Protein backbone atom coordinates (compact mmCIF):
# COMPACT_ATOMS: atom_id res chain seq x y z
CA MET A 1 74.74 105.67 121.82
CA THR A 2 76.95 106.03 118.79
CA HIS A 3 79.95 104.38 117.20
CA VAL A 4 83.44 105.83 117.59
CA ILE A 5 86.52 105.67 115.39
CA ALA A 6 89.62 105.18 117.50
CA GLU A 7 93.42 105.17 117.22
CA PRO A 8 93.90 102.31 114.70
CA CYS A 9 92.45 104.59 112.00
CA ILE A 10 95.22 107.15 112.37
CA GLY A 11 97.27 107.14 109.22
CA THR A 12 95.09 104.47 107.60
CA LYS A 13 91.91 106.37 106.71
CA ASP A 14 90.46 103.44 104.77
CA THR A 15 87.08 104.61 103.48
CA SER A 16 85.35 101.22 103.30
CA CYS A 17 83.24 102.31 106.26
CA VAL A 18 82.11 105.45 104.44
CA GLU A 19 80.69 103.39 101.58
CA VAL A 20 78.39 101.32 103.81
CA CYS A 21 77.12 104.08 106.10
CA PRO A 22 73.40 104.62 105.39
CA VAL A 23 73.33 108.10 106.97
CA ASP A 24 76.63 109.55 105.67
CA CYS A 25 78.01 110.21 109.16
CA ILE A 26 81.68 109.30 108.55
CA HIS A 27 83.98 112.06 107.32
CA PRO A 28 86.11 113.33 105.79
CA THR A 29 85.67 111.27 102.65
CA ASN A 30 88.53 111.05 100.18
CA GLU A 31 86.55 113.46 97.97
CA GLU A 32 86.54 116.22 100.62
CA GLY A 33 89.26 118.83 100.94
CA GLU A 34 89.89 117.99 104.60
CA PHE A 35 90.80 114.37 103.82
CA ASP A 36 94.54 114.88 103.30
CA ALA A 37 94.95 117.04 106.40
CA ALA A 38 92.92 114.78 108.72
CA ASP A 39 94.75 112.22 110.83
CA GLN A 40 91.82 109.80 110.76
CA LEU A 41 88.14 109.48 109.86
CA TYR A 42 85.47 110.58 112.34
CA ILE A 43 81.89 109.57 113.11
CA ASP A 44 79.36 112.33 113.74
CA PRO A 45 77.70 111.40 117.04
CA GLU A 46 74.63 113.48 116.19
CA THR A 47 74.02 111.66 112.90
CA CYS A 48 75.11 108.08 113.66
CA ILE A 49 72.13 105.73 114.00
CA ASP A 50 74.19 103.02 115.70
CA CYS A 51 73.54 100.46 112.94
CA GLY A 52 77.04 98.95 113.15
CA LEU A 53 77.50 98.39 109.42
CA CYS A 54 80.82 100.23 109.52
CA VAL A 55 82.36 97.96 112.17
CA ASP A 56 82.81 94.91 109.92
CA GLU A 57 84.05 97.01 107.00
CA CYS A 58 86.98 98.55 108.89
CA PRO A 59 90.16 96.65 107.93
CA VAL A 60 92.04 97.82 111.06
CA GLN A 61 89.22 97.31 113.59
CA ALA A 62 89.15 100.97 114.58
CA ILE A 63 85.36 101.34 114.99
CA PHE A 64 83.58 100.49 118.23
CA PRO A 65 80.18 101.01 119.78
CA GLU A 66 80.77 103.75 122.36
CA GLU A 67 79.96 101.40 125.25
CA ASP A 68 82.56 98.86 124.02
CA LEU A 69 85.39 101.31 123.38
CA PRO A 70 88.56 100.14 125.18
CA ASP A 71 89.52 102.25 128.18
CA GLU A 72 92.75 103.46 126.59
CA TRP A 73 90.77 104.97 123.70
CA GLN A 74 87.98 106.70 125.64
CA LYS A 75 89.36 110.10 124.56
CA TYR A 76 88.26 109.30 120.99
CA ILE A 77 84.62 109.86 121.95
CA GLN A 78 85.45 113.54 122.38
CA ILE A 79 87.90 113.61 119.46
CA ASN A 80 85.17 112.42 117.07
CA ALA A 81 82.64 114.90 118.47
CA ASP A 82 85.13 117.78 118.35
CA TRP A 83 85.87 117.26 114.68
CA TYR A 84 82.22 117.95 113.88
CA ALA A 85 81.99 120.87 116.31
CA GLU A 86 84.74 122.65 114.37
CA GLU A 87 82.98 122.46 111.00
């Protein structure tokens, strides 16, 4: 399983989660060119080690373990994966 960034991140893009991630799986960072154009941050499902450190750092509670993602935000599993597929 992996963690997923959902709708509350849209427009916020607070990078506190990026700073605590031990495997650098949350992008784009504010130092990357894609940051301004991106609607939200995304977790790479292939890289995430499911440690959960990012969950408590998110000020808008946008990060969930995949199995705990609310039903109305299930589409964000694919949205996060798709962002990495396009790189």
